[in-house]
C-alpha atoms as a PDB file:
ATOM      1  CA  MET A   1      78.376 160.389 181.953  1.00  0.00           C
ATOM      2  CA  SER A   2      76.189 160.397 183.912  1.00  0.00           C
ATOM      3  CA  GLU A   3      74.191 160.596 180.911  1.00  0.00           C
ATOM      4  CA  GLU A   4      75.671 157.887 179.158  1.00  0.00           C
ATOM      5  CA  ASN A   5      75.124 155.411 182.949  1.00  0.00           C
ATOM      6  CA  ASN A   6      71.184 155.879 182.363  1.00  0.00           C
ATOM      7  CA  ASN A   7      71.450 155.044 179.252  1.00  0.00           C
ATOM      8  CA  GLU A   8      72.952 151.590 179.961  1.00  0.00           C
ATOM      9  CA  GLU A   9      71.070 148.551 180.262  1.00  0.00           C
ATOM     10  CA  LEU A  10      70.926 146.673 183.147  1.00  0.00           C
ATOM     11  CA  ARG A  11      71.925 143.304 181.908  1.00  0.00           C
ATOM     12  CA  PRO A  12      74.854 142.010 181.822  1.00  0.00           C
ATOM     13  CA  ARG A  13      77.408 142.752 178.757  1.00  0.00           C
ATOM     14  CA  LYS A  14      77.414 139.186 177.116  1.00  0.00           C
ATOM     15  CA  MET A  15      73.460 138.518 178.109  1.00  0.00           C
ATOM     16  CA  ARG A  16      72.373 141.753 175.841  1.00  0.00           C
ATOM     17  CA  GLY A  17      72.006 139.989 172.329  1.00  0.00           C
ATOM     18  CA  VAL A  18      70.326 137.474 173.478  1.00  0.00           C
ATOM     19  CA  ALA A  19      66.004 137.260 173.253  1.00  0.00           C
ATOM     20  CA  PHE A  20      63.745 136.107 176.411  1.00  0.00           C
ATOM     21  CA  PRO A  21      60.857 135.059 175.335  1.00  0.00           C
ATOM     22  CA  LYS A  22      59.560 134.476 178.385  1.00  0.00           C
ATOM     23  CA  ALA A  23      55.942 136.354 176.595  1.00  0.00           C
ATOM     24  CA  LYS A  24      55.417 133.327 174.351  1.00  0.00           C
ATOM     25  CA  TYR A  25      55.755 131.048 176.684  1.00  0.00           C
ATOM     26  CA  GLY A  26      53.228 132.862 179.079  1.00  0.00           C
ATOM     27  CA  VAL A  27      50.410 133.019 176.123  1.00  0.00           C
ATOM     28  CA  ILE A  28      51.332 129.341 175.716  1.00  0.00           C
ATOM     29  CA  LEU A  29      51.148 128.888 178.975  1.00  0.00           C
ATOM     30  CA  ALA A  30      47.692 130.624 179.368  1.00  0.00           C
ATOM     31  CA  ILE A  31      46.036 129.068 176.462  1.00  0.00           C
ATOM     32  CA  ILE A  32      46.541 125.112 177.538  1.00  0.00           C
ATOM     33  CA  ILE A  33      45.074 126.185 181.089  1.00  0.00           C
ATOM     34  CA  ILE A  34      42.158 127.983 179.424  1.00  0.00           C
ATOM     35  CA  ILE A  35      42.022 124.295 177.395  1.00  0.00           C
ATOM     36  CA  VAL A  36      42.275 122.553 180.895  1.00  0.00           C
ATOM     37  CA  VAL A  37      39.696 124.287 182.441  1.00  0.00           C
ATOM     38  CA  ASN A  38      37.031 123.933 180.004  1.00  0.00           C
ATOM     39  CA  LEU A  39      37.538 120.109 179.200  1.00  0.00           C
ATOM     40  CA  VAL A  40      37.153 119.430 183.285  1.00  0.00           C
ATOM     41  CA  TYR A  41      33.869 122.053 182.926  1.00  0.00           C
ATOM     42  CA  TYR A  42      32.319 120.677 180.035  1.00  0.00           C
ATOM     43  CA  LYS A  43      33.323 116.883 180.204  1.00  0.00           C
ATOM     44  CA  GLU A  44      30.360 115.906 180.093  1.00  0.00           C
ATOM     45  CA  THR A  45      29.058 117.377 176.897  1.00  0.00           C
ATOM     46  CA  ILE A  46      32.369 116.789 175.487  1.00  0.00           C
ATOM     47  CA  PHE A  47      32.471 113.347 175.791  1.00  0.00           C
ATOM     48  CA  SER A  48      28.678 112.809 174.399  1.00  0.00           C
ATOM     49  CA  PHE A  49      29.806 113.655 171.340  1.00  0.00           C
ATOM     50  CA  PHE A  50      31.589 110.466 171.147  1.00  0.00           C
ATOM     51  CA  LYS A  51      28.757 108.296 172.076  1.00  0.00           C
END
């Protein structure tokens, strides 16, 4: 009986079938942060191509 309790998931019963896409949003957020930092850092170089 104790082995059965140890294998039980920690999430509530109704939420066990729900997929949580936290990793996907983390990757998207990281890519956006990298792009913004590069735009700030290389702003003059990027804008020189448009002139």
